[in-house]
PDB file of N, CA and C in Angstrom:
ATOM      1  N   MET A   1     -15.875  -8.346  19.822  1.00  0.00           N
ATOM      2  CA  MET A   1     -14.775  -7.997  18.992  1.00  0.00           C
ATOM      3  C   MET A   1     -15.267  -7.318  17.727  1.00  0.00           C
ATOM      4  N   ARG A   2     -14.457  -6.410  17.250  1.00  0.00           N
ATOM      5  CA  ARG A   2     -14.800  -5.631  16.025  1.00  0.00           C
ATOM      6  C   ARG A   2     -14.655  -6.481  14.765  1.00  0.00           C
ATOM      7  N   SER A   3     -15.185  -5.976  13.700  1.00  0.00           N
ATOM      8  CA  SER A   3     -15.158  -6.706  12.425  1.00  0.00           C
ATOM      9  C   SER A   3     -13.755  -6.804  11.869  1.00  0.00           C
ATOM     10  N   LYS A   4     -13.504  -7.823  11.049  1.00  0.00           N
ATOM     11  CA  LYS A   4     -12.238  -7.993  10.418  1.00  0.00           C
ATOM     12  C   LYS A   4     -11.907  -6.811   9.539  1.00  0.00           C
ATOM     13  N   LYS A   5     -12.937  -6.235   8.924  1.00  0.00           N
ATOM     14  CA  LYS A   5     -12.766  -5.058   8.041  1.00  0.00           C
ATOM     15  C   LYS A   5     -12.195  -3.886   8.823  1.00  0.00           C
ATOM     16  N   TYR A   6     -12.736  -3.662  10.013  1.00  0.00           N
ATOM     17  CA  TYR A   6     -12.296  -2.571  10.914  1.00  0.00           C
ATOM     18  C   TYR A   6     -10.836  -2.813  11.308  1.00  0.00           C
ATOM     19  N   LEU A   7     -10.505  -4.037  11.698  1.00  0.00           N
ATOM     20  CA  LEU A   7      -9.155  -4.326  12.147  1.00  0.00           C
ATOM     21  C   LEU A   7      -8.189  -4.233  10.967  1.00  0.00           C
ATOM     22  N   TRP A   8      -8.621  -4.615   9.777  1.00  0.00           N
ATOM     23  CA  TRP A   8      -7.794  -4.510   8.583  1.00  0.00           C
ATOM     24  C   TRP A   8      -7.417  -3.049   8.287  1.00  0.00           C
ATOM     25  N   LYS A   9      -8.392  -2.152   8.502  1.00  0.00           N
ATOM     26  CA  LYS A   9      -8.151  -0.703   8.298  1.00  0.00           C
ATOM     27  C   LYS A   9      -7.036  -0.213   9.264  1.00  0.00           C
ATOM     28  N   ILE A  10      -7.091  -0.702  10.469  1.00  0.00           N
ATOM     29  CA  ILE A  10      -6.017  -0.371  11.452  1.00  0.00           C
ATOM     30  C   ILE A  10      -4.686  -0.887  10.946  1.00  0.00           C
ATOM     31  N   CYS A  11      -4.651  -2.097  10.485  1.00  0.00           N
ATOM     32  CA  CYS A  11      -3.446  -2.702   9.937  1.00  0.00           C
ATOM     33  C   CYS A  11      -2.881  -1.868   8.813  1.00  0.00           C
ATOM     34  N   MET A  12      -3.735  -1.433   7.892  1.00  0.00           N
ATOM     35  CA  MET A  12      -3.294  -0.614   6.746  1.00  0.00           C
ATOM     36  C   MET A  12      -2.714   0.698   7.219  1.00  0.00           C
ATOM     37  N   ASN A  13      -3.284   1.297   8.250  1.00  0.00           N
ATOM     38  CA  ASN A  13      -2.707   2.538   8.760  1.00  0.00           C
ATOM     39  C   ASN A  13      -1.369   2.299   9.456  1.00  0.00           C
ATOM     40  N   ILE A  14      -1.225   1.164  10.080  1.00  0.00           N
ATOM     41  CA  ILE A  14       0.077   0.796  10.717  1.00  0.00           C
ATOM     42  C   ILE A  14       1.090   0.612   9.601  1.00  0.00           C
ATOM     43  N   TYR A  15       0.795  -0.063   8.532  1.00  0.00           N
ATOM     44  CA  TYR A  15       1.691  -0.243   7.434  1.00  0.00           C
ATOM     45  C   TYR A  15       2.070   1.122   6.828  1.00  0.00           C
ATOM     46  N   ARG A  16       1.106   1.966   6.650  1.00  0.00           N
ATOM     47  CA  ARG A  16       1.422   3.319   6.111  1.00  0.00           C
ATOM     48  C   ARG A  16       2.415   4.053   6.963  1.00  0.00           C
ATOM     49  N   GLN A  17       2.204   4.007   8.285  1.00  0.00           N
ATOM     50  CA  GLN A  17       3.154   4.710   9.164  1.00  0.00           C
ATOM     51  C   GLN A  17       4.522   4.057   9.172  1.00  0.00           C
ATOM     52  N   MET A  18       4.542   2.722   9.197  1.00  0.00           N
ATOM     53  CA  MET A  18       5.843   2.019   9.204  1.00  0.00           C
ATOM     54  C   MET A  18       6.650   2.374   7.970  1.00  0.00           C
ATOM     55  N   TYR A  19       6.027   2.368   6.804  1.00  0.00           N
ATOM     56  CA  TYR A  19       6.792   2.636   5.564  1.00  0.00           C
ATOM     57  C   TYR A  19       7.165   4.121   5.454  1.00  0.00           C
ATOM     58  N   LYS A  20       6.330   5.003   6.016  1.00  0.00           N
ATOM     59  CA  LYS A  20       6.710   6.420   5.983  1.00  0.00           C
ATOM     60  C   LYS A  20       7.947   6.644   6.856  1.00  0.00           C
ATOM     61  N   GLU A  21       8.080   5.883   7.984  1.00  0.00           N
ATOM     62  CA  GLU A  21       9.223   6.036   8.861  1.00  0.00           C
ATOM     63  C   GLU A  21      10.423   5.139   8.487  1.00  0.00           C
ATOM     64  N   ALA A  22      10.208   4.222   7.565  1.00  0.00           N
ATOM     65  CA  ALA A  22      11.273   3.249   7.168  1.00  0.00           C
ATOM     66  C   ALA A  22      12.409   3.955   6.429  1.00  0.00           C
ATOM     67  N   ILE A  23      13.508   3.230   6.336  1.00  0.00           N
ATOM     68  CA  ILE A  23      14.636   3.703   5.552  1.00  0.00           C
ATOM     69  C   ILE A  23      14.783   2.698   4.398  1.00  0.00           C
ATOM     70  N   PRO A  24      14.663   3.115   3.187  1.00  0.00           N
ATOM     71  CA  PRO A  24      14.222   4.459   2.739  1.00  0.00           C
ATOM     72  C   PRO A  24      12.683   4.598   3.043  1.00  0.00           C
ATOM     73  N   SER A  25      12.288   5.817   3.119  1.00  0.00           N
ATOM     74  CA  SER A  25      10.877   6.107   3.342  1.00  0.00           C
ATOM     75  C   SER A  25      10.087   5.803   2.084  1.00  0.00           C
ATOM     76  N   ALA A  26       8.852   5.352   2.264  1.00  0.00           N
ATOM     77  CA  ALA A  26       7.997   5.018   1.125  1.00  0.00           C
ATOM     78  C   ALA A  26       6.549   5.311   1.431  1.00  0.00           C
ATOM     79  N   ASP A  27       5.785   5.538   0.368  1.00  0.00           N
ATOM     80  CA  ASP A  27       4.344   5.695   0.483  1.00  0.00           C
ATOM     81  C   ASP A  27       3.729   4.317   0.221  1.00  0.00           C
ATOM     82  N   PHE A  28       3.184   3.751   1.286  1.00  0.00           N
ATOM     83  CA  PHE A  28       2.667   2.388   1.198  1.00  0.00           C
ATOM     84  C   PHE A  28       1.557   2.262   0.137  1.00  0.00           C
ATOM     85  N   ASP A  29       0.716   3.235   0.037  1.00  0.00           N
ATOM     86  CA  ASP A  29      -0.380   3.162  -0.987  1.00  0.00           C
ATOM     87  C   ASP A  29       0.187   3.188  -2.378  1.00  0.00           C
ATOM     88  N   LYS A  30       1.286   3.924  -2.596  1.00  0.00           N
ATOM     89  CA  LYS A  30       1.903   3.934  -3.934  1.00  0.00           C
ATOM     90  C   LYS A  30       2.614   2.634  -4.215  1.00  0.00           C
ATOM     91  N   LEU A  31       3.164   1.971  -3.182  1.00  0.00           N
ATOM     92  CA  LEU A  31       3.756   0.668  -3.398  1.00  0.00           C
ATOM     93  C   LEU A  31       2.759  -0.352  -3.843  1.00  0.00           C
ATOM     94  N   ILE A  32       1.540  -0.270  -3.291  1.00  0.00           N
ATOM     95  CA  ILE A  32       0.467  -1.155  -3.684  1.00  0.00           C
ATOM     96  C   ILE A  32       0.002  -0.817  -5.105  1.00  0.00           C
ATOM     97  N   ALA A  33      -0.248   0.453  -5.357  1.00  0.00           N
ATOM     98  CA  ALA A  33      -0.813   0.903  -6.665  1.00  0.00           C
ATOM     99  C   ALA A  33       0.145   0.583  -7.803  1.00  0.00           C
ATOM    100  N   SER A  34       1.469   0.677  -7.555  1.00  0.00           N
ATOM    101  CA  SER A  34       2.459   0.454  -8.609  1.00  0.00           C
ATOM    102  C   SER A  34       2.695  -1.038  -8.856  1.00  0.00           C
ATOM    103  N   GLY A  35       2.194  -1.867  -8.009  1.00  0.00           N
ATOM    104  CA  GLY A  35       2.462  -3.302  -8.132  1.00  0.00           C
ATOM    105  C   GLY A  35       3.725  -3.801  -7.456  1.00  0.00           C
ATOM    106  N   LYS A  36       4.469  -2.853  -6.894  1.00  0.00           N
ATOM    107  CA  LYS A  36       5.724  -3.189  -6.217  1.00  0.00           C
ATOM    108  C   LYS A  36       5.490  -4.212  -5.100  1.00  0.00           C
ATOM    109  N   SER A  37       4.364  -4.051  -4.424  1.00  0.00           N
ATOM    110  CA  SER A  37       4.103  -4.919  -3.280  1.00  0.00           C
ATOM    111  C   SER A  37       3.786  -6.377  -3.679  1.00  0.00           C
ATOM    112  N   LYS A  38       3.663  -6.634  -4.956  1.00  0.00           N
ATOM    113  CA  LYS A  38       3.427  -8.020  -5.464  1.00  0.00           C
ATOM    114  C   LYS A  38       4.726  -8.725  -5.751  1.00  0.00           C
ATOM    115  N   GLU A  39       5.815  -7.994  -5.759  1.00  0.00           N
ATOM    116  CA  GLU A  39       7.139  -8.608  -6.004  1.00  0.00           C
ATOM    117  C   GLU A  39       7.560  -9.403  -4.794  1.00  0.00           C
ATOM    118  N   GLU A  40       8.286 -10.472  -5.043  1.00  0.00           N
ATOM    119  CA  GLU A  40       8.735 -11.356  -3.964  1.00  0.00           C
ATOM    120  C   GLU A  40       9.704 -10.601  -3.027  1.00  0.00           C
ATOM    121  N   ASN A  41       9.458 -10.702  -1.763  1.00  0.00           N
ATOM    122  CA  ASN A  41      10.326 -10.117  -0.700  1.00  0.00           C
ATOM    123  C   ASN A  41      10.568  -8.594  -0.897  1.00  0.00           C
ATOM    124  N   TRP A  42       9.663  -7.880  -1.474  1.00  0.00           N
ATOM    125  CA  TRP A  42       9.866  -6.450  -1.728  1.00  0.00           C
ATOM    126  C   TRP A  42      10.088  -5.683  -0.432  1.00  0.00           C
ATOM    127  N   PHE A  43       9.484  -6.119   0.644  1.00  0.00           N
ATOM    128  CA  PHE A  43       9.572  -5.432   1.970  1.00  0.00           C
ATOM    129  C   PHE A  43      10.968  -5.491   2.576  1.00  0.00           C
ATOM    130  N   MET A  44      11.790  -6.377   2.029  1.00  0.00           N
ATOM    131  CA  MET A  44      13.165  -6.515   2.548  1.00  0.00           C
ATOM    132  C   MET A  44      14.018  -5.283   2.152  1.00  0.00           C
ATOM    133  N   ASN A  45      13.514  -4.468   1.249  1.00  0.00           N
ATOM    134  CA  ASN A  45      14.276  -3.255   0.810  1.00  0.00           C
ATOM    135  C   ASN A  45      14.060  -2.067   1.742  1.00  0.00           C
ATOM    136  N   TYR A  46      13.241  -2.301   2.800  1.00  0.00           N
ATOM    137  CA  TYR A  46      12.910  -1.204   3.749  1.00  0.00           C
ATOM    138  C   TYR A  46      13.264  -1.667   5.146  1.00  0.00           C
ATOM    139  N   TYR A  47      13.787  -0.732   5.939  1.00  0.00           N
ATOM    140  CA  TYR A  47      14.190  -1.046   7.305  1.00  0.00           C
ATOM    141  C   TYR A  47      13.517  -0.153   8.328  1.00  0.00           C
ATOM    142  N   LEU A  48      13.012  -0.773   9.392  1.00  0.00           N
ATOM    143  CA  LEU A  48      12.504  -0.021  10.537  1.00  0.00           C
ATOM    144  C   LEU A  48      12.752  -0.896  11.762  1.00  0.00           C
ATOM    145  N   ALA A  49      13.441  -0.300  12.748  1.00  0.00           N
ATOM    146  CA  ALA A  49      13.807  -1.010  13.960  1.00  0.00           C
ATOM    147  C   ALA A  49      12.596  -1.718  14.612  1.00  0.00           C
ATOM    148  N   GLU A  50      12.852  -2.893  15.147  1.00  0.00           N
ATOM    149  CA  GLU A  50      11.803  -3.681  15.760  1.00  0.00           C
ATOM    150  C   GLU A  50      11.100  -2.925  16.898  1.00  0.00           C
ATOM    151  N   ASP A  51      11.918  -2.210  17.722  1.00  0.00           N
ATOM    152  CA  ASP A  51      11.322  -1.467  18.808  1.00  0.00           C
ATOM    153  C   ASP A  51      10.334  -0.398  18.340  1.00  0.00           C
ATOM    154  N   ARG A  52      10.664   0.228  17.216  1.00  0.00           N
ATOM    155  CA  ARG A  52       9.737   1.238  16.691  1.00  0.00           C
ATOM    156  C   ARG A  52       8.509   0.599  16.090  1.00  0.00           C
ATOM    157  N   GLN A  53       8.655  -0.554  15.440  1.00  0.00           N
ATOM    158  CA  GLN A  53       7.490  -1.277  14.919  1.00  0.00           C
ATOM    159  C   GLN A  53       6.526  -1.622  16.066  1.00  0.00           C
ATOM    160  N   ILE A  54       7.053  -2.122  17.164  1.00  0.00           N
ATOM    161  CA  ILE A  54       6.243  -2.461  18.327  1.00  0.00           C
ATOM    162  C   ILE A  54       5.506  -1.235  18.838  1.00  0.00           C
ATOM    163  N   GLU A  55       6.239  -0.102  18.894  1.00  0.00           N
ATOM    164  CA  GLU A  55       5.649   1.148  19.404  1.00  0.00           C
ATOM    165  C   GLU A  55       4.457   1.587  18.499  1.00  0.00           C
ATOM    166  N   ILE A  56       4.694   1.485  17.204  1.00  0.00           N
ATOM    167  CA  ILE A  56       3.631   1.916  16.253  1.00  0.00           C
ATOM    168  C   ILE A  56       2.388   1.064  16.392  1.00  0.00           C
ATOM    169  N   ILE A  57       2.568  -0.226  16.523  1.00  0.00           N
ATOM    170  CA  ILE A  57       1.398  -1.119  16.704  1.00  0.00           C
ATOM    171  C   ILE A  57       0.680  -0.754  18.010  1.00  0.00           C
ATOM    172  N   LYS A  58       1.432  -0.567  19.053  1.00  0.00           N
ATOM    173  CA  LYS A  58       0.843  -0.219  20.340  1.00  0.00           C
ATOM    174  C   LYS A  58       0.087   1.105  20.275  1.00  0.00           C
ATOM    175  N   GLU A  59       0.705   2.097  19.613  1.00  0.00           N
ATOM    176  CA  GLU A  59       0.069   3.415  19.475  1.00  0.00           C
ATOM    177  C   GLU A  59      -1.306   3.257  18.785  1.00  0.00           C
ATOM    178  N   TRP A  60      -1.342   2.508  17.657  1.00  0.00           N
ATOM    179  CA  TRP A  60      -2.590   2.377  16.935  1.00  0.00           C
ATOM    180  C   TRP A  60      -3.620   1.593  17.718  1.00  0.00           C
ATOM    181  N   CYS A  61      -3.179   0.525  18.394  1.00  0.00           N
ATOM    182  CA  CYS A  61      -4.118  -0.238  19.230  1.00  0.00           C
ATOM    183  C   CYS A  61      -4.678   0.599  20.386  1.00  0.00           C
ATOM    184  N   ASP A  62      -3.824   1.373  20.981  1.00  0.00           N
ATOM    185  CA  ASP A  62      -4.284   2.284  22.063  1.00  0.00           C
ATOM    186  C   ASP A  62      -5.228   3.326  21.532  1.00  0.00           C
ATOM    187  N   LYS A  63      -4.911   3.902  20.378  1.00  0.00           N
ATOM    188  CA  LYS A  63      -5.751   4.944  19.771  1.00  0.00           C
ATOM    189  C   LYS A  63      -7.156   4.444  19.495  1.00  0.00           C
ATOM    190  N   HIS A  64      -7.265   3.163  19.109  1.00  0.00           N
ATOM    191  CA  HIS A  64      -8.576   2.592  18.794  1.00  0.00           C
ATOM    192  C   HIS A  64      -9.135   1.759  19.933  1.00  0.00           C
ATOM    193  N   LYS A  65      -8.471   1.841  21.108  1.00  0.00           N
ATOM    194  CA  LYS A  65      -8.951   1.140  22.287  1.00  0.00           C
ATOM    195  C   LYS A  65      -9.243  -0.321  22.001  1.00  0.00           C
ATOM    196  N   CYS A  66      -8.275  -0.970  21.323  1.00  0.00           N
ATOM    197  CA  CYS A  66      -8.451  -2.392  20.971  1.00  0.00           C
ATOM    198  C   CYS A  66      -8.290  -3.278  22.199  1.00  0.00           C
ATOM    199  N   SER A  67      -8.970  -4.352  22.194  1.00  0.00           N
ATOM    200  CA  SER A  67      -8.867  -5.356  23.253  1.00  0.00           C
ATOM    201  C   SER A  67      -7.527  -6.078  23.102  1.00  0.00           C
ATOM    202  N   LYS A  68      -7.129  -6.803  24.098  1.00  0.00           N
ATOM    203  CA  LYS A  68      -5.874  -7.571  24.022  1.00  0.00           C
ATOM    204  C   LYS A  68      -5.952  -8.556  22.825  1.00  0.00           C
ATOM    205  N   ARG A  69      -7.093  -9.183  22.647  1.00  0.00           N
ATOM    206  CA  ARG A  69      -7.246 -10.138  21.544  1.00  0.00           C
ATOM    207  C   ARG A  69      -7.116  -9.415  20.170  1.00  0.00           C
ATOM    208  N   GLU A  70      -7.746  -8.284  20.075  1.00  0.00           N
ATOM    209  CA  GLU A  70      -7.658  -7.496  18.822  1.00  0.00           C
ATOM    210  C   GLU A  70      -6.213  -7.076  18.557  1.00  0.00           C
ATOM    211  N   CYS A  71      -5.525  -6.648  19.617  1.00  0.00           N
ATOM    212  CA  CYS A  71      -4.113  -6.255  19.446  1.00  0.00           C
ATOM    213  C   CYS A  71      -3.263  -7.422  19.014  1.00  0.00           C
ATOM    214  N   ASN A  72      -3.499  -8.582  19.531  1.00  0.00           N
ATOM    215  CA  ASN A  72      -2.776  -9.783  19.143  1.00  0.00           C
ATOM    216  C   ASN A  72      -3.036 -10.144  17.700  1.00  0.00           C
ATOM    217  N   LEU A  73      -4.269 -10.008  17.235  1.00  0.00           N
ATOM    218  CA  LEU A  73      -4.613 -10.259  15.824  1.00  0.00           C
ATOM    219  C   LEU A  73      -3.931  -9.257  14.902  1.00  0.00           C
ATOM    220  N   ILE A  74      -3.962  -8.017  15.311  1.00  0.00           N
ATOM    221  CA  ILE A  74      -3.313  -6.952  14.522  1.00  0.00           C
ATOM    222  C   ILE A  74      -1.816  -7.153  14.451  1.00  0.00           C
ATOM    223  N   SER A  75      -1.170  -7.397  15.573  1.00  0.00           N
ATOM    224  CA  SER A  75       0.281  -7.575  15.555  1.00  0.00           C
ATOM    225  C   SER A  75       0.698  -8.809  14.776  1.00  0.00           C
ATOM    226  N   SER A  76      -0.099  -9.862  14.905  1.00  0.00           N
ATOM    227  CA  SER A  76       0.209 -11.089  14.106  1.00  0.00           C
ATOM    228  C   SER A  76       0.134 -10.797  12.603  1.00  0.00           C
ATOM    229  N   GLU A  77      -0.888 -10.091  12.195  1.00  0.00           N
ATOM    230  CA  GLU A  77      -1.046  -9.713  10.803  1.00  0.00           C
ATOM    231  C   GLU A  77       0.161  -8.915  10.321  1.00  0.00           C
ATOM    232  N   ILE A  78       0.541  -7.926  11.126  1.00  0.00           N
ATOM    233  CA  ILE A  78       1.657  -7.057  10.730  1.00  0.00           C
ATOM    234  C   ILE A  78       2.971  -7.818  10.639  1.00  0.00           C
ATOM    235  N   TYR A  79       3.272  -8.641  11.658  1.00  0.00           N
ATOM    236  CA  TYR A  79       4.561  -9.351  11.676  1.00  0.00           C
ATOM    237  C   TYR A  79       4.589 -10.460  10.586  1.00  0.00           C
ATOM    238  N   LEU A  80       3.489 -11.095  10.319  1.00  0.00           N
ATOM    239  CA  LEU A  80       3.463 -12.170   9.344  1.00  0.00           C
ATOM    240  C   LEU A  80       3.164 -11.656   7.934  1.00  0.00           C
ATOM    241  N   GLY A  81       2.818 -10.377   7.876  1.00  0.00           N
ATOM    242  CA  GLY A  81       2.488  -9.728   6.592  1.00  0.00           C
ATOM    243  C   GLY A  81       3.710  -9.133   5.980  1.00  0.00           C
ATOM    244  N   SER A  82       3.604  -7.894   5.557  1.00  0.00           N
ATOM    245  CA  SER A  82       4.725  -7.249   4.798  1.00  0.00           C
ATOM    246  C   SER A  82       5.224  -6.025   5.480  1.00  0.00           C
ATOM    247  N   SER A  83       5.507  -6.185   6.792  1.00  0.00           N
ATOM    248  CA  SER A  83       6.156  -5.074   7.480  1.00  0.00           C
ATOM    249  C   SER A  83       7.597  -4.941   7.063  1.00  0.00           C
ATOM    250  N   PRO A  84       8.183  -3.732   7.228  1.00  0.00           N
ATOM    251  CA  PRO A  84       9.611  -3.581   6.820  1.00  0.00           C
ATOM    252  C   PRO A  84      10.470  -4.523   7.656  1.00  0.00           C
ATOM    253  N   THR A  85      11.636  -4.843   7.087  1.00  0.00           N
ATOM    254  CA  THR A  85      12.556  -5.702   7.815  1.00  0.00           C
ATOM    255  C   THR A  85      13.099  -4.968   9.044  1.00  0.00           C
ATOM    256  N   ALA A  86      13.419  -5.730  10.090  1.00  0.00           N
ATOM    257  CA  ALA A  86      13.988  -5.110  11.265  1.00  0.00           C
ATOM    258  C   ALA A  86      15.382  -5.561  11.483  1.00  0.00           C
ATOM    259  N   LYS A  87      15.963  -6.259  10.480  1.00  0.00           N
ATOM    260  CA  LYS A  87      17.352  -6.759  10.550  1.00  0.00           C
ATOM    261  C   LYS A  87      18.257  -5.821   9.825  1.00  0.00           C
ATOM    262  N   ASP A  88      19.399  -5.522  10.479  1.00  0.00           N
ATOM    263  CA  ASP A  88      20.389  -4.638   9.834  1.00  0.00           C
ATOM    264  C   ASP A  88      21.119  -5.321   8.714  1.00  0.00           C
TER     265      ASP A  88
END
């Protein structure tokens, strides 16, 4: 299995893509730099359909040829982390 640092970089790229595609669109790095990401439930202001979130995670895992275990770790981090809301 690859290092946690390597998997974390994949997660950050997934977050970047999700927020770029979210409604409203946002620059994930700017959200972090501005401190916005430290506000409580800040991610609830952004929407991205669950199906698309699943696709993005799969695309990144496939791109990096992640093992099933690595994909499970990545998807758990994304879903339990600060991914955009998928509820209308």
